[in-house]
Amino acid sequence: MPLDQALLRRVLVTLAALAAYRLAAHLPLSGVDVALLARMSGANASSIDAASIIAVGIMPLVSALVLIETAKLAFPSLMHWQQATPENGASLARISIILALALALAQAVGLTLALEDISGLVFEPGAGFRFTAVATLVSGTVLAIALASIIDRAGLGFGVWFLFLLPTLLELPKAYATQINLVLSGHYPTLAFLIGAAFVVLATAGIVAIMLAGRASGAPPAAKATIETCIWTPLLASIWLPYGLLALGWISNGGGAGSAFTAPTILQIVLMMVLMLGLIAAGYTRSFARADIATPVPPVVVALAVFAVFGGGMLLQRFAIALPFDRSPLVIAVTIAAAIAIAAGLVDRARKAADA
């Protein structure tokens, strides 16, 4: 069928872009002794990644988008301006790229200086190496942005998030294999492994339910808003929640300049998560309302789903239950998969086959 051929072509384009990005991660910076870095870290692949031409990679763009999304949360008029005309949306996209390149430059300088600080790692330290390394690292971010754009235009979409998820997805089989080996050898409780796996399944089901509920509104802008809500709400929660927990631990110990940090109790963690996630969900509702955009999913449902993913994950880890898939990547991966399945008609086909 033509639709299936088009989908296959988009899948192949996406896989080719991801393969190119991963290949670049194995190309070390010029002038760095990769063998020494590997011996120091004890892991060849990870050490090369840390000193590759895309060691900075897509993260500056992710950081830029986080800053812009936080600004939209704080100033709903910015969201209204973005939605007013396509030109405004394109202007904000250009601003995000400019901000990403500025962040990439700052991170590249910091990484270059850090590499030079390691004795013997750089063959010829100095201005020449610094200029070459910084230029290469910033170019690596440009390459990542270009690949993300290719995935958006000719692939499955969500280019930034595909590149962001790639390292986690590549490590996922190893993480599960390690846990299974620990269970079989008796070093990790079977019940803990099953609870962690069940949590991932339930969190996945909850996110998919949100996506399907959002689709019921029908209009493409609402579907886009659903994806935005499902991705950005947990991401912003994951960014701000640790700071809130740190502040809570500091306050619980009396505060003041001489106060030491005390880990918050489980009850305090739950209360802080409810407060932080409630504020984020309320902020999104306010932003959508001020921008005259209907909230595709009730904020209470979103808040409960995010609380289940992040709150449940944190509590499980508090009880020494390891999750093979971290919380933010889990939300992003499932959201993207559900959006692609819905757009490709796979969900409707599955329902028709089940009814038949």
Protein backbone atom coordinates (compact mmCIF):
# COMPACT_ATOMS: atom_id res chain seq x y z
CA MET A 1 0.00 0.00 0.00
CA PRO A 2 1.22 3.56 -0.72
CA LEU A 3 0.77 4.56 2.92
CA ASP A 4 2.89 1.66 4.09
CA GLN A 5 5.60 2.50 1.54
CA ALA A 6 5.62 6.12 2.68
CA LEU A 7 5.87 5.03 6.32
CA LEU A 8 8.69 2.64 5.47
CA ARG A 9 10.55 5.41 3.68
CA ARG A 10 10.21 7.67 6.72
CA VAL A 11 11.42 4.89 9.00
CA LEU A 12 14.48 4.32 6.80
CA VAL A 13 15.30 8.05 6.73
CA THR A 14 15.03 8.18 10.51
CA LEU A 15 17.25 5.14 10.98
CA ALA A 16 19.83 6.53 8.53
CA ALA A 17 19.97 9.84 10.41
CA LEU A 18 20.32 8.07 13.75
CA ALA A 19 23.06 5.84 12.34
CA ALA A 20 24.95 8.89 11.07
CA TYR A 21 24.65 10.52 14.50
CA ARG A 22 25.89 7.39 16.22
CA LEU A 23 28.76 7.02 13.76
CA ALA A 24 29.87 10.57 14.55
CA ALA A 25 30.01 9.59 18.23
CA HIS A 26 32.84 7.21 17.36
CA LEU A 27 34.97 9.90 15.69
CA PRO A 28 37.31 11.37 18.33
CA LEU A 29 38.42 14.98 18.49
CA SER A 30 41.69 15.66 16.73
CA GLY A 31 44.61 15.84 19.15
CA VAL A 32 43.09 13.68 21.93
CA ASP A 33 44.75 10.45 23.07
CA VAL A 34 41.68 8.22 22.96
CA ALA A 35 43.63 5.15 24.09
CA LEU A 36 44.66 6.93 27.28
CA LEU A 37 41.10 8.09 27.87
CA ALA A 38 39.87 4.53 27.41
CA ARG A 39 42.40 3.17 29.91
CA MET A 40 41.44 5.84 32.44
CA SER A 41 37.70 5.21 32.14
CA GLY A 42 37.83 1.47 31.56
CA ALA A 43 35.17 1.61 28.80
CA ASN A 44 36.17 2.25 25.21
CA ALA A 45 32.75 3.25 23.84
CA SER A 46 31.83 5.68 26.58
CA SER A 47 35.27 7.24 26.62
CA ILE A 48 35.21 7.92 22.89
CA ASP A 49 31.73 9.41 23.21
CA ALA A 50 33.02 11.83 25.85
CA ALA A 51 35.72 13.12 23.48
CA SER A 52 33.96 12.68 20.12
CA ILE A 53 33.09 15.36 17.61
CA ILE A 54 29.50 15.32 18.93
CA ALA A 55 30.37 15.15 22.62
CA VAL A 56 28.22 18.27 23.03
CA GLY A 57 25.74 17.08 20.40
CA ILE A 58 22.03 17.77 20.59
CA MET A 59 21.96 18.76 24.27
CA PRO A 60 22.41 22.54 23.68
CA LEU A 61 19.27 22.52 21.54
CA VAL A 62 17.41 20.54 24.20
CA SER A 63 18.56 23.08 26.80
CA ALA A 64 17.48 25.97 24.57
CA LEU A 65 14.05 24.42 24.09
CA VAL A 66 13.75 23.90 27.85
CA LEU A 67 14.52 27.58 28.46
CA ILE A 68 12.02 28.70 25.82
CA GLU A 69 9.35 26.32 27.11
CA THR A 70 9.91 27.58 30.65
CA ALA A 71 9.54 31.15 29.36
CA LYS A 72 6.27 30.17 27.67
CA LEU A 73 5.10 28.69 30.96
CA ALA A 74 5.97 31.91 32.82
CA PHE A 75 4.68 34.26 30.10
CA PRO A 76 1.60 32.85 28.33
CA SER A 77 1.64 35.82 25.94
CA LEU A 78 4.73 34.26 24.36
CA MET A 79 2.74 31.11 23.51
CA HIS A 80 -0.06 33.27 22.11
CA TRP A 81 2.46 35.17 19.96
CA GLN A 82 3.97 31.90 18.72
CA GLN A 83 0.56 30.53 17.73
CA ALA A 84 -0.59 33.76 16.07
CA THR A 85 1.15 33.24 12.72
CA PRO A 86 3.45 30.64 11.12
CA GLU A 87 6.08 33.36 10.80
CA ASN A 88 6.13 33.84 14.57
CA GLY A 89 6.62 30.12 15.10
CA ALA A 90 9.48 30.12 12.60
CA SER A 91 11.06 33.13 14.33
CA LEU A 92 10.93 31.38 17.71
CA ALA A 93 12.49 28.28 16.11
CA ARG A 94 15.35 30.42 14.78
CA ILE A 95 15.81 31.98 18.20
CA SER A 96 16.05 28.51 19.74
CA ILE A 97 18.76 27.53 17.24
CA ILE A 98 20.75 30.71 17.91
CA LEU A 99 20.47 30.13 21.65
CA ALA A 100 21.48 26.49 21.17
CA LEU A 101 24.63 27.51 19.27
CA ALA A 102 25.53 29.99 22.02
CA LEU A 103 25.10 27.25 24.63
CA ALA A 104 27.10 24.86 22.44
CA LEU A 105 29.96 27.36 22.29
CA ALA A 106 30.00 27.71 26.09
CA GLN A 107 29.87 23.94 26.62
CA ALA A 108 32.55 23.35 23.99
CA VAL A 109 34.92 25.77 25.71
CA GLY A 110 34.32 24.10 29.06
CA LEU A 111 34.82 20.59 27.67
CA THR A 112 38.00 21.61 25.83
CA LEU A 113 39.52 23.11 28.97
CA ALA A 114 38.52 20.03 30.95
CA LEU A 115 40.27 17.75 28.44
CA GLU A 116 43.41 19.87 28.66
CA ASP A 117 43.39 19.61 32.45
CA ILE A 118 43.89 15.84 32.22
CA SER A 119 47.62 15.26 32.10
CA GLY A 120 48.79 13.64 28.86
CA LEU A 121 45.35 13.39 27.32
CA VAL A 122 45.90 16.15 24.75
CA PHE A 123 48.95 15.70 22.54
CA GLU A 124 49.61 19.43 22.02
CA PRO A 125 47.69 21.62 24.49
CA GLY A 126 47.36 25.27 23.69
CA ALA A 127 45.51 27.80 21.57
CA GLY A 128 45.65 25.65 18.45
CA PHE A 129 43.99 22.67 20.07
CA ARG A 130 41.42 24.86 21.81
CA PHE A 131 40.36 26.60 18.62
CA THR A 132 40.15 23.35 16.64
CA ALA A 133 38.30 21.46 19.39
CA VAL A 134 35.78 24.24 20.06
CA ALA A 135 35.09 24.70 16.35
CA THR A 136 34.66 20.94 15.91
CA LEU A 137 32.33 20.57 18.89
CA VAL A 138 30.13 23.47 17.79
CA SER A 139 30.06 21.97 14.28
CA GLY A 140 28.96 18.71 15.88
CA THR A 141 25.97 20.51 17.36
CA VAL A 142 25.21 21.98 13.92
CA LEU A 143 25.33 18.44 12.51
CA ALA A 144 22.96 17.22 15.23
CA ILE A 145 20.51 20.05 14.50
CA ALA A 146 20.68 19.25 10.76
CA LEU A 147 19.99 15.55 11.39
CA ALA A 148 17.10 16.43 13.67
CA SER A 149 15.70 18.65 10.90
CA ILE A 150 15.99 15.79 8.39
CA ILE A 151 14.07 13.48 10.74
CA ASP A 152 11.41 16.17 11.18
CA ARG A 153 10.97 16.83 7.47
CA ALA A 154 11.53 13.44 5.83
CA GLY A 155 11.50 11.00 8.73
CA LEU A 156 9.10 10.17 11.52
CA GLY A 157 9.31 13.59 13.16
CA PHE A 158 10.46 14.40 16.71
CA GLY A 159 14.06 14.67 15.48
CA VAL A 160 15.40 16.35 18.61
CA TRP A 161 13.85 13.73 20.85
CA PHE A 162 15.05 10.80 18.76
CA LEU A 163 18.64 12.06 19.04
CA PHE A 164 18.15 12.77 22.74
CA LEU A 165 16.88 9.24 23.35
CA LEU A 166 19.43 7.42 21.20
CA PRO A 167 22.08 6.80 23.93
CA THR A 168 19.42 5.56 26.36
CA LEU A 169 17.84 3.26 23.80
CA LEU A 170 21.22 1.78 22.90
CA GLU A 171 21.97 1.10 26.56
CA LEU A 172 18.53 -0.34 27.32
CA PRO A 173 19.21 -3.97 26.24
CA LYS A 174 22.43 -3.96 28.27
CA ALA A 175 20.61 -2.57 31.31
CA TYR A 176 17.91 -5.25 31.15
CA ALA A 177 20.50 -7.99 30.51
CA THR A 178 22.48 -6.85 33.54
CA GLN A 179 19.42 -6.91 35.75
CA ILE A 180 18.41 -10.35 34.50
CA ASN A 181 21.91 -11.70 35.16
CA LEU A 182 21.81 -10.26 38.68
CA VAL A 183 18.43 -11.90 39.27
CA LEU A 184 19.62 -15.28 37.96
CA SER A 185 22.76 -15.13 40.08
CA GLY A 186 20.78 -14.28 43.19
CA HIS A 187 22.31 -10.79 43.67
CA TYR A 188 19.07 -8.92 42.93
CA PRO A 189 15.60 -9.91 44.23
CA THR A 190 13.24 -11.33 41.63
CA LEU A 191 10.32 -9.45 43.19
CA ALA A 192 12.15 -6.13 42.85
CA PHE A 193 12.83 -6.84 39.16
CA LEU A 194 9.18 -7.72 38.54
CA ILE A 195 7.98 -4.58 40.35
CA GLY A 196 10.31 -2.42 38.25
CA ALA A 197 9.14 -4.06 35.02
CA ALA A 198 5.49 -3.70 36.05
CA PHE A 199 6.05 -0.01 36.78
CA VAL A 200 7.42 0.55 33.28
CA VAL A 201 4.42 -1.26 31.75
CA LEU A 202 1.87 0.68 33.81
CA ALA A 203 3.59 4.03 33.15
CA THR A 204 3.60 3.23 29.43
CA ALA A 205 -0.10 2.38 29.49
CA GLY A 206 -0.89 5.63 31.30
CA ILE A 207 0.99 7.79 28.80
CA VAL A 208 -0.64 6.03 25.84
CA ALA A 209 -4.04 6.60 27.44
CA ILE A 210 -3.30 10.33 27.66
CA MET A 211 -2.31 10.41 23.99
CA LEU A 212 -5.50 8.61 22.93
CA ALA A 213 -7.62 10.91 25.10
CA GLY A 214 -6.01 13.92 23.50
CA ARG A 215 -6.70 12.58 20.03
CA ALA A 216 -10.42 12.57 20.81
CA SER A 217 -10.42 16.36 20.47
CA GLY A 218 -9.79 15.78 16.76
CA ALA A 219 -8.07 18.98 15.60
CA PRO A 220 -4.40 18.78 14.62
CA PRO A 221 -3.42 21.75 16.87
CA ALA A 222 -4.93 19.89 19.82
CA ALA A 223 -2.98 16.76 18.93
CA LYS A 224 0.20 18.84 18.77
CA ALA A 225 -0.64 20.38 22.15
CA THR A 226 -1.16 16.89 23.57
CA ILE A 227 2.31 15.81 22.51
CA GLU A 228 3.77 19.04 23.88
CA THR A 229 2.01 18.54 27.21
CA CYS A 230 3.01 14.89 27.50
CA ILE A 231 6.67 15.64 26.79
CA TRP A 232 7.29 19.01 28.40
CA THR A 233 5.36 18.59 31.63
CA PRO A 234 7.45 15.64 32.86
CA LEU A 235 10.66 17.20 31.55
CA LEU A 236 10.08 20.44 33.42
CA ALA A 237 9.09 18.43 36.46
CA SER A 238 12.33 16.45 36.27
CA ILE A 239 14.31 19.70 36.01
CA TRP A 240 12.71 21.60 38.89
CA LEU A 241 11.78 18.76 41.23
CA PRO A 242 15.37 17.97 42.37
CA TYR A 243 15.90 21.63 43.31
CA GLY A 244 12.71 21.56 45.32
CA LEU A 245 13.82 18.41 47.11
CA LEU A 246 17.20 19.96 47.88
CA ALA A 247 15.52 23.05 49.30
CA LEU A 248 13.16 20.88 51.33
CA GLY A 249 16.03 18.91 52.80
CA TRP A 250 17.84 22.13 53.69
CA ILE A 251 14.76 23.72 55.24
CA SER A 252 13.92 20.56 57.19
CA ASN A 253 17.29 20.86 58.91
CA GLY A 254 16.63 24.38 60.13
CA GLY A 255 18.02 26.45 57.26
CA GLY A 256 20.71 29.03 57.78
CA ALA A 257 24.24 29.35 56.46
CA GLY A 258 25.62 26.57 58.64
CA SER A 259 22.88 24.06 57.97
CA ALA A 260 23.83 20.79 56.36
CA PHE A 261 21.69 19.01 53.83
CA THR A 262 19.44 16.30 55.23
CA ALA A 263 17.74 13.86 52.89
CA PRO A 264 13.96 14.42 53.01
CA THR A 265 11.69 11.70 54.28
CA ILE A 266 9.41 9.71 51.99
CA LEU A 267 6.40 11.77 53.13
CA GLN A 268 8.25 15.00 52.40
CA ILE A 269 9.21 13.70 48.94
CA VAL A 270 5.58 12.87 48.17
CA LEU A 271 4.36 16.26 49.39
CA MET A 272 7.00 18.14 47.39
CA MET A 273 6.26 16.15 44.24
CA VAL A 274 2.53 16.81 44.57
CA LEU A 275 3.22 20.53 45.01
CA MET A 276 5.72 20.83 42.16
CA LEU A 277 3.76 18.75 39.66
CA GLY A 278 0.52 20.48 40.61
CA LEU A 279 2.11 23.86 39.95
CA ILE A 280 3.43 22.71 36.58
CA ALA A 281 0.06 21.27 35.52
CA ALA A 282 -1.71 24.45 36.65
CA GLY A 283 0.83 26.55 34.78
CA TYR A 284 0.20 24.65 31.57
CA THR A 285 -3.55 25.06 31.97
CA ARG A 286 -3.06 28.81 32.43
CA SER A 287 -0.75 28.99 29.42
CA PHE A 288 -3.20 27.18 27.14
CA ALA A 289 -6.08 29.34 28.39
CA ARG A 290 -4.21 32.62 27.91
CA ALA A 291 -3.18 31.51 24.41
CA ASP A 292 -6.80 30.61 23.55
CA ILE A 293 -5.84 26.95 23.02
CA ALA A 294 -8.08 24.24 24.44
CA THR A 295 -6.25 21.96 26.84
CA PRO A 296 -6.55 18.57 25.10
CA VAL A 297 -6.25 16.51 28.30
CA PRO A 298 -7.66 17.49 31.73
CA PRO A 299 -4.80 18.87 33.86
CA VAL A 300 -5.70 16.55 36.73
CA VAL A 301 -5.17 13.54 34.48
CA VAL A 302 -1.80 14.88 33.30
CA ALA A 303 -0.72 15.70 36.86
CA LEU A 304 -1.66 12.21 38.09
CA ALA A 305 0.15 10.54 35.20
CA VAL A 306 3.30 12.59 35.72
CA PHE A 307 3.13 11.99 39.46
CA ALA A 308 2.81 8.24 38.84
CA VAL A 309 5.86 8.21 36.58
CA PHE A 310 8.16 10.44 38.61
CA GLY A 311 6.76 9.91 42.08
CA GLY A 312 6.48 6.18 41.65
CA GLY A 313 9.96 5.97 40.16
CA MET A 314 11.55 7.96 42.98
CA LEU A 315 9.79 5.94 45.65
CA LEU A 316 10.79 2.66 44.02
CA GLN A 317 14.42 3.77 43.92
CA ARG A 318 14.12 4.81 47.57
CA PHE A 319 13.30 1.16 48.30
CA ALA A 320 16.31 -0.03 46.24
CA ILE A 321 14.24 -1.06 43.22
CA ALA A 322 16.23 -0.18 40.10
CA LEU A 323 14.45 0.98 36.96
CA PRO A 324 16.20 -0.02 33.72
CA PHE A 325 14.57 2.90 31.90
CA ASP A 326 14.93 6.36 33.45
CA ARG A 327 11.78 8.39 33.93
CA SER A 328 12.21 11.25 31.44
CA PRO A 329 13.39 9.03 28.56
CA LEU A 330 10.51 6.65 29.32
CA VAL A 331 7.93 9.41 28.97
CA ILE A 332 9.51 10.80 25.79
CA ALA A 333 9.94 7.40 24.15
CA VAL A 334 6.38 6.25 24.83
CA THR A 335 4.91 9.61 23.78
CA ILE A 336 6.76 9.55 20.47
CA ALA A 337 5.84 5.91 19.82
CA ALA A 338 2.17 6.55 20.60
CA ALA A 339 2.07 9.67 18.41
CA ILE A 340 3.63 7.81 15.46
CA ALA A 341 1.29 4.85 15.90
CA ILE A 342 -1.77 7.12 16.02
CA ALA A 343 -0.63 9.19 13.00
CA ALA A 344 0.10 6.05 10.96
CA GLY A 345 -3.32 4.58 11.74
CA LEU A 346 -1.83 1.59 13.54
CA VAL A 347 -4.06 2.09 16.57
CA ASP A 348 -7.24 2.18 14.49
CA ARG A 349 -6.16 -0.90 12.54
CA ALA A 350 -5.48 -2.78 15.76
CA ARG A 351 -8.92 -1.86 17.08
CA LYS A 352 -10.62 -2.97 13.87
CA ALA A 353 -8.74 -6.26 13.92
CA ALA A 354 -9.72 -6.81 17.55
CA ASP A 355 -13.39 -6.06 16.81
CA ALA A 356 -13.35 -8.44 13.86
